[in-house]
């Protein structure tokens, strides 16, 4: 059994020695003769910079490292994911990942076309491409993770993932971000907290970033998320947490509208009757309350919702 730290040490060696990238490489030295015989366009264009250096492609670096340590790893990132991961999943905020775990990029066809090794401290070592060689990147750049067959992770700690959110992303992480933005007064007038990171959410994130003196790129990475969390933390009383609060509907007649955002201009999700209660999520500056519905977050006017 290979230890995770031994695997990391091999990748660190390749990084320190400034290995190059050649498609199909598994640790051999690149020579002028091999360069002269190359036909692959990227190798022809960039390969000469790696003459005299050891080279590998992304999964070839794994194959070399495992062989050096007395093990075996298939040379091919998609097959690594499909057949050589004992546990695996999507990289999303809140999950934990252990050093020595493989991380993957997924293309539009759903294939894992690139792989790197997470070494801890939000850092991945990868054989990136012919123009780059073996370099480091941030964990937030990657899509999926997999713990590898034949690697012992027993003594490894773990780190909590903070996923970078950007235009085109969908899901609960996006919905949580949108709810925070709405609670802080950054409008999403057309779609509300719908879990889809589109142009409207991008604009709201940019507005928040501008107000807080951050780089206004519309991408919600770890720094932007940390500032968002700090702002939200300041607004919660010391003796209360969101999980402790409920919103009770206080109205008669035809009931109260629960909407997709914090005003009547947002689309209607459902209608709640007097006495119905929901878990409280947040309260916007205009007094509207965000409440947890079965599969999404809704908003109710503070006029008809009482926090208990």
C-alpha atoms as a PDB file:
ATOM      1  CA  UNK A   1       0.000   0.000   0.000  1.00  0.00           C
ATOM      2  CA  UNK A   2       1.334   3.443  -0.980  1.00  0.00           C
ATOM      3  CA  UNK A   3       0.978   6.241   1.562  1.00  0.00           C
ATOM      4  CA  UNK A   4      -0.553   9.516   0.453  1.00  0.00           C
ATOM      5  CA  UNK A   5       2.523  11.403   1.646  1.00  0.00           C
ATOM      6  CA  UNK A   6       4.845   9.199  -0.431  1.00  0.00           C
ATOM      7  CA  UNK A   7       2.715   9.901  -3.508  1.00  0.00           C
ATOM      8  CA  UNK A   8       2.762  13.633  -2.782  1.00  0.00           C
ATOM      9  CA  UNK A   9       6.562  13.514  -2.386  1.00  0.00           C
ATOM     10  CA  UNK A  10       6.940  12.074  -5.897  1.00  0.00           C
ATOM     11  CA  UNK A  11       4.779  14.817  -7.385  1.00  0.00           C
ATOM     12  CA  UNK A  12       6.696  17.426  -5.395  1.00  0.00           C
ATOM     13  CA  UNK A  13       9.943  16.018  -6.832  1.00  0.00           C
ATOM     14  CA  UNK A  14       8.646  16.415 -10.404  1.00  0.00           C
ATOM     15  CA  UNK A  15       7.570  19.976  -9.595  1.00  0.00           C
ATOM     16  CA  UNK A  16      10.907  20.878  -7.979  1.00  0.00           C
ATOM     17  CA  UNK A  17      12.840  19.413 -10.919  1.00  0.00           C
ATOM     18  CA  UNK A  18      10.714  21.459 -13.336  1.00  0.00           C
ATOM     19  CA  UNK A  19       9.543  18.497 -15.377  1.00  0.00           C
ATOM     20  CA  UNK A  20       8.023  19.218 -18.752  1.00  0.00           C
ATOM     21  CA  UNK A  21       4.833  17.990 -20.393  1.00  0.00           C
ATOM     22  CA  UNK A  22       4.741  15.768 -23.457  1.00  0.00           C
ATOM     23  CA  UNK A  23       1.563  13.903 -24.353  1.00  0.00           C
ATOM     24  CA  UNK A  24       2.129  10.202 -23.639  1.00  0.00           C
ATOM     25  CA  UNK A  25       5.074  10.884 -21.320  1.00  0.00           C
ATOM     26  CA  UNK A  26       5.609   8.842 -18.160  1.00  0.00           C
ATOM     27  CA  UNK A  27       8.843  10.248 -16.750  1.00  0.00           C
ATOM     28  CA  UNK A  28      11.312   9.651 -19.588  1.00  0.00           C
ATOM     29  CA  UNK A  29      13.877  12.252 -20.712  1.00  0.00           C
ATOM     30  CA  UNK A  30      12.889  14.235 -23.799  1.00  0.00           C
ATOM     31  CA  UNK A  31      15.580  14.314 -26.477  1.00  0.00           C
ATOM     32  CA  UNK A  32      16.259  16.251 -29.653  1.00  0.00           C
ATOM     33  CA  UNK A  33      15.692  13.093 -31.676  1.00  0.00           C
ATOM     34  CA  UNK A  34      12.252  12.627 -30.115  1.00  0.00           C
ATOM     35  CA  UNK A  35      11.428  16.269 -30.765  1.00  0.00           C
ATOM     36  CA  UNK A  36      12.506  15.989 -34.406  1.00  0.00           C
ATOM     37  CA  UNK A  37      10.241  12.968 -34.831  1.00  0.00           C
ATOM     38  CA  UNK A  38       7.226  14.602 -33.153  1.00  0.00           C
ATOM     39  CA  UNK A  39       4.043  15.079 -35.177  1.00  0.00           C
ATOM     40  CA  UNK A  40       1.571  16.223 -32.518  1.00  0.00           C
ATOM     41  CA  UNK A  41       1.009  19.967 -33.091  1.00  0.00           C
ATOM     42  CA  UNK A  42       1.486  21.118 -29.491  1.00  0.00           C
ATOM     43  CA  UNK A  43       4.649  19.030 -29.162  1.00  0.00           C
ATOM     44  CA  UNK A  44       6.029  20.491 -32.391  1.00  0.00           C
ATOM     45  CA  UNK A  45       5.228  24.003 -31.164  1.00  0.00           C
ATOM     46  CA  UNK A  46       6.382  23.815 -27.534  1.00  0.00           C
ATOM     47  CA  UNK A  47       8.251  20.530 -27.070  1.00  0.00           C
ATOM     48  CA  UNK A  48      11.728  21.915 -27.746  1.00  0.00           C
ATOM     49  CA  UNK A  49      11.684  23.715 -24.396  1.00  0.00           C
ATOM     50  CA  UNK A  50      11.680  20.329 -22.636  1.00  0.00           C
ATOM     51  CA  UNK A  51      14.702  18.814 -24.398  1.00  0.00           C
ATOM     52  CA  UNK A  52      17.003  17.372 -21.746  1.00  0.00           C
ATOM     53  CA  UNK A  53      14.252  17.323 -19.119  1.00  0.00           C
ATOM     54  CA  UNK A  54      12.035  14.523 -17.861  1.00  0.00           C
ATOM     55  CA  UNK A  55       8.464  14.738 -19.119  1.00  0.00           C
ATOM     56  CA  UNK A  56       5.008  13.347 -18.407  1.00  0.00           C
ATOM     57  CA  UNK A  57       1.418  14.068 -19.281  1.00  0.00           C
ATOM     58  CA  UNK A  58      -1.230  14.453 -16.570  1.00  0.00           C
ATOM     59  CA  UNK A  59      -2.050  10.788 -15.956  1.00  0.00           C
ATOM     60  CA  UNK A  60       1.454   9.722 -16.984  1.00  0.00           C
ATOM     61  CA  UNK A  61       2.755  11.536 -13.913  1.00  0.00           C
ATOM     62  CA  UNK A  62       0.546   9.280 -11.789  1.00  0.00           C
ATOM     63  CA  UNK A  63       1.725   6.175 -13.662  1.00  0.00           C
ATOM     64  CA  UNK A  64       5.361   7.131 -13.055  1.00  0.00           C
ATOM     65  CA  UNK A  65       4.831   7.942  -9.358  1.00  0.00           C
ATOM     66  CA  UNK A  66       2.966   4.695  -8.649  1.00  0.00           C
ATOM     67  CA  UNK A  67       5.622   2.645 -10.461  1.00  0.00           C
ATOM     68  CA  UNK A  68       8.377   4.359  -8.468  1.00  0.00           C
ATOM     69  CA  UNK A  69       6.559   3.392  -5.268  1.00  0.00           C
ATOM     70  CA  UNK A  70       5.998  -0.223  -6.296  1.00  0.00           C
ATOM     71  CA  UNK A  71       2.384   0.180  -7.378  1.00  0.00           C
ATOM     72  CA  UNK A  72       0.392   0.557 -10.578  1.00  0.00           C
ATOM     73  CA  UNK A  73      -1.860   3.272 -11.974  1.00  0.00           C
ATOM     74  CA  UNK A  74      -3.547   3.219 -15.363  1.00  0.00           C
ATOM     75  CA  UNK A  75      -2.300   5.823 -17.856  1.00  0.00           C
ATOM     76  CA  UNK A  76      -5.530   7.660 -18.706  1.00  0.00           C
ATOM     77  CA  UNK A  77      -7.513  10.123 -16.580  1.00  0.00           C
ATOM     78  CA  UNK A  78     -11.041   9.015 -17.510  1.00  0.00           C
ATOM     79  CA  UNK A  79     -10.249   5.356 -16.782  1.00  0.00           C
ATOM     80  CA  UNK A  80      -8.581   6.415 -13.522  1.00  0.00           C
ATOM     81  CA  UNK A  81     -11.903   7.969 -12.494  1.00  0.00           C
ATOM     82  CA  UNK A  82     -14.038   5.061 -13.669  1.00  0.00           C
ATOM     83  CA  UNK A  83     -11.953   2.125 -12.396  1.00  0.00           C
ATOM     84  CA  UNK A  84      -9.252   3.280  -9.976  1.00  0.00           C
ATOM     85  CA  UNK A  85     -11.058   5.471  -7.440  1.00  0.00           C
ATOM     86  CA  UNK A  86     -12.296   3.839  -4.238  1.00  0.00           C
ATOM     87  CA  UNK A  87     -14.492   6.845  -3.445  1.00  0.00           C
ATOM     88  CA  UNK A  88     -15.246   9.926  -5.504  1.00  0.00           C
ATOM     89  CA  UNK A  89     -17.560  12.866  -5.985  1.00  0.00           C
ATOM     90  CA  UNK A  90     -18.049  16.456  -7.065  1.00  0.00           C
ATOM     91  CA  UNK A  91     -15.951  19.239  -5.564  1.00  0.00           C
ATOM     92  CA  UNK A  92     -18.451  21.532  -3.885  1.00  0.00           C
ATOM     93  CA  UNK A  93     -18.460  23.822  -0.886  1.00  0.00           C
ATOM     94  CA  UNK A  94     -18.538  22.116   2.491  1.00  0.00           C
ATOM     95  CA  UNK A  95     -17.122  18.707   1.578  1.00  0.00           C
ATOM     96  CA  UNK A  96     -13.774  17.557   2.972  1.00  0.00           C
ATOM     97  CA  UNK A  97     -10.897  16.235   0.878  1.00  0.00           C
ATOM     98  CA  UNK A  98      -7.666  14.567   1.979  1.00  0.00           C
ATOM     99  CA  UNK A  99      -4.157  15.276   0.641  1.00  0.00           C
ATOM    100  CA  UNK A 100      -3.130  12.647  -1.899  1.00  0.00           C
ATOM    101  CA  UNK A 101      -6.563  12.687  -3.550  1.00  0.00           C
ATOM    102  CA  UNK A 102      -6.768  12.900  -7.345  1.00  0.00           C
ATOM    103  CA  UNK A 103      -8.798  15.776  -8.794  1.00  0.00           C
ATOM    104  CA  UNK A 104     -10.309  15.887 -12.264  1.00  0.00           C
ATOM    105  CA  UNK A 105     -11.503  18.336 -14.906  1.00  0.00           C
ATOM    106  CA  UNK A 106     -14.659  17.344 -16.780  1.00  0.00           C
ATOM    107  CA  UNK A 107     -15.359  18.390 -20.367  1.00  0.00           C
ATOM    108  CA  UNK A 108     -18.737  19.152 -21.957  1.00  0.00           C
ATOM    109  CA  UNK A 109     -19.144  15.494 -22.943  1.00  0.00           C
ATOM    110  CA  UNK A 110     -18.801  14.397 -19.315  1.00  0.00           C
ATOM    111  CA  UNK A 111     -15.336  12.874 -19.750  1.00  0.00           C
ATOM    112  CA  UNK A 112     -12.546  13.399 -17.197  1.00  0.00           C
ATOM    113  CA  UNK A 113      -9.951  14.764 -19.589  1.00  0.00           C
ATOM    114  CA  UNK A 114      -7.363  15.996 -17.079  1.00  0.00           C
ATOM    115  CA  UNK A 115      -6.129  14.940 -13.641  1.00  0.00           C
ATOM    116  CA  UNK A 116      -3.944  16.391 -10.890  1.00  0.00           C
ATOM    117  CA  UNK A 117      -2.983  15.583  -7.295  1.00  0.00           C
ATOM    118  CA  UNK A 118      -4.275  17.567  -4.319  1.00  0.00           C
ATOM    119  CA  UNK A 119      -1.386  18.052  -1.862  1.00  0.00           C
ATOM    120  CA  UNK A 120      -3.093  20.207   0.790  1.00  0.00           C
ATOM    121  CA  UNK A 121      -3.371  23.954   1.461  1.00  0.00           C
ATOM    122  CA  UNK A 122      -5.738  24.465  -1.491  1.00  0.00           C
ATOM    123  CA  UNK A 123      -2.945  23.344  -3.857  1.00  0.00           C
ATOM    124  CA  UNK A 124      -2.857  20.829  -6.720  1.00  0.00           C
ATOM    125  CA  UNK A 125       0.230  19.622  -8.612  1.00  0.00           C
ATOM    126  CA  UNK A 126      -0.492  18.829 -12.253  1.00  0.00           C
ATOM    127  CA  UNK A 127       1.260  18.196 -15.548  1.00  0.00           C
ATOM    128  CA  UNK A 128      -0.719  20.987 -17.164  1.00  0.00           C
ATOM    129  CA  UNK A 129       0.203  21.023 -20.829  1.00  0.00           C
ATOM    130  CA  UNK A 130       3.056  21.263 -23.315  1.00  0.00           C
ATOM    131  CA  UNK A 131       3.305  25.030 -22.858  1.00  0.00           C
ATOM    132  CA  UNK A 132       3.459  24.781 -19.051  1.00  0.00           C
ATOM    133  CA  UNK A 133       4.972  21.532 -17.774  1.00  0.00           C
ATOM    134  CA  UNK A 134       4.474  20.417 -14.163  1.00  0.00           C
ATOM    135  CA  UNK A 135       2.994  23.304 -12.173  1.00  0.00           C
ATOM    136  CA  UNK A 136       0.639  24.046  -9.283  1.00  0.00           C
ATOM    137  CA  UNK A 137      -2.954  25.270  -9.387  1.00  0.00           C
ATOM    138  CA  UNK A 138      -5.750  26.054  -6.936  1.00  0.00           C
ATOM    139  CA  UNK A 139      -8.220  23.380  -5.852  1.00  0.00           C
ATOM    140  CA  UNK A 140     -11.121  25.647  -6.856  1.00  0.00           C
ATOM    141  CA  UNK A 141     -10.096  25.196 -10.507  1.00  0.00           C
ATOM    142  CA  UNK A 142     -11.102  21.499 -10.471  1.00  0.00           C
ATOM    143  CA  UNK A 143     -14.454  19.733 -10.854  1.00  0.00           C
ATOM    144  CA  UNK A 144     -14.302  16.304  -9.190  1.00  0.00           C
ATOM    145  CA  UNK A 145     -12.246  14.294  -6.701  1.00  0.00           C
ATOM    146  CA  UNK A 146     -11.341  10.637  -6.276  1.00  0.00           C
ATOM    147  CA  UNK A 147      -9.381   8.710  -3.642  1.00  0.00           C
ATOM    148  CA  UNK A 148      -7.157   6.268  -5.493  1.00  0.00           C
ATOM    149  CA  UNK A 149      -6.952   2.498  -5.305  1.00  0.00           C
ATOM    150  CA  UNK A 150      -3.756   1.393  -3.572  1.00  0.00           C
ATOM    151  CA  UNK A 151      -3.259   4.604  -1.569  1.00  0.00           C
ATOM    152  CA  UNK A 152      -3.462   4.662   2.237  1.00  0.00           C
ATOM    153  CA  UNK A 153      -5.176   7.843   3.452  1.00  0.00           C
ATOM    154  CA  UNK A 154      -5.489   6.671   7.079  1.00  0.00           C
ATOM    155  CA  UNK A 155      -3.152   9.207   8.664  1.00  0.00           C
ATOM    156  CA  UNK A 156      -4.104  12.139   6.460  1.00  0.00           C
ATOM    157  CA  UNK A 157      -6.014  15.132   7.732  1.00  0.00           C
ATOM    158  CA  UNK A 158      -8.648  16.766   5.567  1.00  0.00           C
ATOM    159  CA  UNK A 159      -9.555  20.213   4.288  1.00  0.00           C
ATOM    160  CA  UNK A 160     -12.975  21.706   3.702  1.00  0.00           C
ATOM    161  CA  UNK A 161     -13.607  22.684   0.109  1.00  0.00           C
ATOM    162  CA  UNK A 162     -14.747  26.206  -0.730  1.00  0.00           C
ATOM    163  CA  UNK A 163     -15.921  25.922  -4.310  1.00  0.00           C
ATOM    164  CA  UNK A 164     -15.537  28.847  -6.710  1.00  0.00           C
ATOM    165  CA  UNK A 165     -18.887  29.823  -8.211  1.00  0.00           C
ATOM    166  CA  UNK A 166     -19.178  31.503 -11.599  1.00  0.00           C
ATOM    167  CA  UNK A 167     -21.570  32.151 -14.464  1.00  0.00           C
ATOM    168  CA  UNK A 168     -23.070  28.902 -15.729  1.00  0.00           C
ATOM    169  CA  UNK A 169     -22.978  27.078 -12.379  1.00  0.00           C
ATOM    170  CA  UNK A 170     -26.190  25.646 -10.928  1.00  0.00           C
ATOM    171  CA  UNK A 171     -27.240  24.074  -7.650  1.00  0.00           C
ATOM    172  CA  UNK A 172     -27.661  24.600  -3.934  1.00  0.00           C
ATOM    173  CA  UNK A 173     -24.338  26.444  -3.490  1.00  0.00           C
ATOM    174  CA  UNK A 174     -25.528  29.049  -5.999  1.00  0.00           C
ATOM    175  CA  UNK A 175     -28.916  29.334  -4.275  1.00  0.00           C
ATOM    176  CA  UNK A 176     -27.211  29.941  -0.914  1.00  0.00           C
ATOM    177  CA  UNK A 177     -25.037  32.651  -2.492  1.00  0.00           C
ATOM    178  CA  UNK A 178     -28.085  34.321  -4.046  1.00  0.00           C
ATOM    179  CA  UNK A 179     -29.919  34.264  -0.718  1.00  0.00           C
ATOM    180  CA  UNK A 180     -26.981  35.996   0.988  1.00  0.00           C
ATOM    181  CA  UNK A 181     -26.867  38.655  -1.727  1.00  0.00           C
ATOM    182  CA  UNK A 182     -30.597  39.313  -1.462  1.00  0.00           C
ATOM    183  CA  UNK A 183     -30.394  39.568   2.325  1.00  0.00           C
ATOM    184  CA  UNK A 184     -27.688  42.220   1.944  1.00  0.00           C
ATOM    185  CA  UNK A 185     -29.790  44.247  -0.475  1.00  0.00           C
ATOM    186  CA  UNK A 186     -28.230  43.189  -3.787  1.00  0.00           C
ATOM    187  CA  UNK A 187     -31.225  42.723  -6.044  1.00  0.00           C
ATOM    188  CA  UNK A 188     -31.988  39.786  -8.299  1.00  0.00           C
ATOM    189  CA  UNK A 189     -35.244  41.212  -9.671  1.00  0.00           C
ATOM    190  CA  UNK A 190     -35.887  38.825 -12.541  1.00  0.00           C
ATOM    191  CA  UNK A 191     -35.026  35.361 -11.233  1.00  0.00           C
ATOM    192  CA  UNK A 192     -34.398  35.614  -7.483  1.00  0.00           C
ATOM    193  CA  UNK A 193     -32.680  32.752  -5.655  1.00  0.00           C
ATOM    194  CA  UNK A 194     -33.264  30.195  -8.406  1.00  0.00           C
ATOM    195  CA  UNK A 195     -29.971  28.308  -8.055  1.00  0.00           C
ATOM    196  CA  UNK A 196     -28.731  29.359 -11.496  1.00  0.00           C
ATOM    197  CA  UNK A 197     -25.647  31.613 -11.789  1.00  0.00           C
ATOM    198  CA  UNK A 198     -26.539  33.834 -14.724  1.00  0.00           C
ATOM    199  CA  UNK A 199     -25.928  37.422 -15.784  1.00  0.00           C
ATOM    200  CA  UNK A 200     -28.141  38.762 -12.988  1.00  0.00           C
ATOM    201  CA  UNK A 201     -26.203  36.957 -10.251  1.00  0.00           C
ATOM    202  CA  UNK A 202     -22.905  37.935 -11.870  1.00  0.00           C
ATOM    203  CA  UNK A 203     -23.937  41.602 -11.747  1.00  0.00           C
ATOM    204  CA  UNK A 204     -24.982  41.313  -8.089  1.00  0.00           C
ATOM    205  CA  UNK A 205     -21.656  39.683  -7.160  1.00  0.00           C
ATOM    206  CA  UNK A 206     -19.764  42.426  -9.006  1.00  0.00           C
ATOM    207  CA  UNK A 207     -21.737  45.084  -7.130  1.00  0.00           C
ATOM    208  CA  UNK A 208     -20.901  43.429  -3.806  1.00  0.00           C
ATOM    209  CA  UNK A 209     -17.231  43.090  -4.757  1.00  0.00           C
ATOM    210  CA  UNK A 210     -17.085  46.755  -5.751  1.00  0.00           C
ATOM    211  CA  UNK A 211     -18.660  47.847  -2.461  1.00  0.00           C
ATOM    212  CA  UNK A 212     -16.147  45.778  -0.473  1.00  0.00           C
ATOM    213  CA  UNK A 213     -13.070  46.851  -2.439  1.00  0.00           C
ATOM    214  CA  UNK A 214     -12.527  43.441  -4.047  1.00  0.00           C
ATOM    215  CA  UNK A 215     -11.652  42.633  -7.653  1.00  0.00           C
ATOM    216  CA  UNK A 216     -15.021  43.015  -9.389  1.00  0.00           C
ATOM    217  CA  UNK A 217     -14.871  40.037 -11.751  1.00  0.00           C
ATOM    218  CA  UNK A 218     -18.300  38.582 -10.937  1.00  0.00           C
ATOM    219  CA  UNK A 219     -16.731  35.298  -9.800  1.00  0.00           C
ATOM    220  CA  UNK A 220     -17.472  34.204  -6.251  1.00  0.00           C
ATOM    221  CA  UNK A 221     -14.215  32.594  -5.144  1.00  0.00           C
ATOM    222  CA  UNK A 222     -12.898  31.894  -1.632  1.00  0.00           C
ATOM    223  CA  UNK A 223     -12.046  35.553  -0.902  1.00  0.00           C
ATOM    224  CA  UNK A 224     -15.448  36.883  -1.955  1.00  0.00           C
ATOM    225  CA  UNK A 225     -17.202  34.076  -0.068  1.00  0.00           C
ATOM    226  CA  UNK A 226     -15.163  34.797   3.066  1.00  0.00           C
ATOM    227  CA  UNK A 227     -16.121  38.494   2.951  1.00  0.00           C
ATOM    228  CA  UNK A 228     -19.771  37.553   2.396  1.00  0.00           C
ATOM    229  CA  UNK A 229     -19.664  35.240   5.407  1.00  0.00           C
ATOM    230  CA  UNK A 230     -18.017  37.928   7.550  1.00  0.00           C
ATOM    231  CA  UNK A 231     -20.739  40.423   6.661  1.00  0.00           C
ATOM    232  CA  UNK A 232     -23.463  37.898   7.448  1.00  0.00           C
ATOM    233  CA  UNK A 233     -21.818  36.933  10.738  1.00  0.00           C
ATOM    234  CA  UNK A 234     -21.793  40.554  11.881  1.00  0.00           C
ATOM    235  CA  UNK A 235     -25.561  40.744  11.351  1.00  0.00           C
ATOM    236  CA  UNK A 236     -26.441  37.705  13.481  1.00  0.00           C
ATOM    237  CA  UNK A 237     -26.935  38.356  17.171  1.00  0.00           C
ATOM    238  CA  UNK A 238     -24.490  36.638  19.509  1.00  0.00           C
ATOM    239  CA  UNK A 239     -27.235  34.646  21.226  1.00  0.00           C
ATOM    240  CA  UNK A 240     -28.980  33.396  18.102  1.00  0.00           C
ATOM    241  CA  UNK A 241     -28.212  31.337  15.015  1.00  0.00           C
ATOM    242  CA  UNK A 242     -30.296  30.827  11.867  1.00  0.00           C
ATOM    243  CA  UNK A 243     -31.078  27.237  12.861  1.00  0.00           C
ATOM    244  CA  UNK A 244     -32.759  28.423  16.079  1.00  0.00           C
ATOM    245  CA  UNK A 245     -35.306  30.692  14.366  1.00  0.00           C
ATOM    246  CA  UNK A 246     -38.658  30.068  12.710  1.00  0.00           C
ATOM    247  CA  UNK A 247     -40.858  32.374  10.653  1.00  0.00           C
ATOM    248  CA  UNK A 248     -44.562  32.117  11.505  1.00  0.00           C
ATOM    249  CA  UNK A 249     -47.083  33.298   8.904  1.00  0.00           C
ATOM    250  CA  UNK A 250     -49.508  35.786  10.477  1.00  0.00           C
ATOM    251  CA  UNK A 251     -52.330  36.517   8.054  1.00  0.00           C
ATOM    252  CA  UNK A 252     -55.906  35.531   7.356  1.00  0.00           C
ATOM    253  CA  UNK A 253     -57.996  35.276   4.234  1.00  0.00           C
ATOM    254  CA  UNK A 254     -56.411  33.854   1.094  1.00  0.00           C
ATOM    255  CA  UNK A 255     -52.982  33.394   2.657  1.00  0.00           C
ATOM    256  CA  UNK A 256     -49.580  34.982   2.096  1.00  0.00           C
ATOM    257  CA  UNK A 257     -47.464  34.840  -1.048  1.00  0.00           C
ATOM    258  CA  UNK A 258     -44.018  33.225  -0.823  1.00  0.00           C
ATOM    259  CA  UNK A 259     -41.874  34.686  -3.599  1.00  0.00           C
ATOM    260  CA  UNK A 260     -38.529  33.979  -5.276  1.00  0.00           C
ATOM    261  CA  UNK A 261     -37.005  37.238  -4.016  1.00  0.00           C
ATOM    262  CA  UNK A 262     -37.432  39.957  -1.432  1.00  0.00           C
ATOM    263  CA  UNK A 263     -40.209  42.025  -3.039  1.00  0.00           C
ATOM    264  CA  UNK A 264     -43.529  41.581  -4.826  1.00  0.00           C
ATOM    265  CA  UNK A 265     -41.844  41.912  -8.231  1.00  0.00           C
ATOM    266  CA  UNK A 266     -40.414  38.395  -7.877  1.00  0.00           C
ATOM    267  CA  UNK A 267     -42.273  35.351  -9.153  1.00  0.00           C
ATOM    268  CA  UNK A 268     -44.717  33.516  -6.886  1.00  0.00           C
ATOM    269  CA  UNK A 269     -43.520  30.167  -5.513  1.00  0.00           C
ATOM    270  CA  UNK A 270     -46.437  29.194  -3.276  1.00  0.00           C
ATOM    271  CA  UNK A 271     -49.073  30.575  -0.905  1.00  0.00           C
ATOM    272  CA  UNK A 272     -48.841  29.967   2.855  1.00  0.00           C
ATOM    273  CA  UNK A 273     -51.762  29.898   5.268  1.00  0.00           C
ATOM    274  CA  UNK A 274     -51.977  31.578   8.659  1.00  0.00           C
ATOM    275  CA  UNK A 275     -49.934  29.737  11.294  1.00  0.00           C
ATOM    276  CA  UNK A 276     -47.637  27.967   8.830  1.00  0.00           C
ATOM    277  CA  UNK A 277     -44.019  28.021  10.025  1.00  0.00           C
ATOM    278  CA  UNK A 278     -40.718  27.789   8.153  1.00  0.00           C
ATOM    279  CA  UNK A 279     -37.046  27.681   9.087  1.00  0.00           C
ATOM    280  CA  UNK A 280     -35.609  31.197   8.960  1.00  0.00           C
ATOM    281  CA  UNK A 281     -32.644  31.718   6.598  1.00  0.00           C
ATOM    282  CA  UNK A 282     -32.017  35.477   6.507  1.00  0.00           C
ATOM    283  CA  UNK A 283     -33.695  38.879   6.698  1.00  0.00           C
ATOM    284  CA  UNK A 284     -33.167  41.517   4.014  1.00  0.00           C
ATOM    285  CA  UNK A 285     -32.731  45.222   4.712  1.00  0.00           C
ATOM    286  CA  UNK A 286     -36.316  45.876   3.577  1.00  0.00           C
ATOM    287  CA  UNK A 287     -37.664  43.492   6.236  1.00  0.00           C
ATOM    288  CA  UNK A 288     -38.491  40.543   4.005  1.00  0.00           C
ATOM    289  CA  UNK A 289     -37.570  37.130   5.451  1.00  0.00           C
ATOM    290  CA  UNK A 290     -35.916  34.293   3.535  1.00  0.00           C
ATOM    291  CA  UNK A 291     -37.403  30.934   4.541  1.00  0.00           C
ATOM    292  CA  UNK A 292     -36.446  27.346   3.761  1.00  0.00           C
ATOM    293  CA  UNK A 293     -38.968  25.572   1.545  1.00  0.00           C
ATOM    294  CA  UNK A 294     -38.728  21.903   0.593  1.00  0.00           C
ATOM    295  CA  UNK A 295     -36.360  22.321  -2.362  1.00  0.00           C
ATOM    296  CA  UNK A 296     -35.505  26.023  -2.436  1.00  0.00           C
ATOM    297  CA  UNK A 297     -35.460  29.311  -0.558  1.00  0.00           C
ATOM    298  CA  UNK A 298     -38.510  31.583  -0.643  1.00  0.00           C
ATOM    299  CA  UNK A 299     -39.213  35.083   0.647  1.00  0.00           C
ATOM    300  CA  UNK A 300     -42.122  36.460   2.673  1.00  0.00           C
ATOM    301  CA  UNK A 301     -42.866  40.064   3.571  1.00  0.00           C
ATOM    302  CA  UNK A 302     -41.997  40.984   7.147  1.00  0.00           C
ATOM    303  CA  UNK A 303     -45.533  42.364   7.408  1.00  0.00           C
ATOM    304  CA  UNK A 304     -46.904  38.825   7.320  1.00  0.00           C
ATOM    305  CA  UNK A 305     -44.043  36.798   8.816  1.00  0.00           C
ATOM    306  CA  UNK A 306     -43.052  36.862  12.468  1.00  0.00           C
ATOM    307  CA  UNK A 307     -39.684  35.493  13.637  1.00  0.00           C
ATOM    308  CA  UNK A 308     -39.797  33.321  16.751  1.00  0.00           C
END
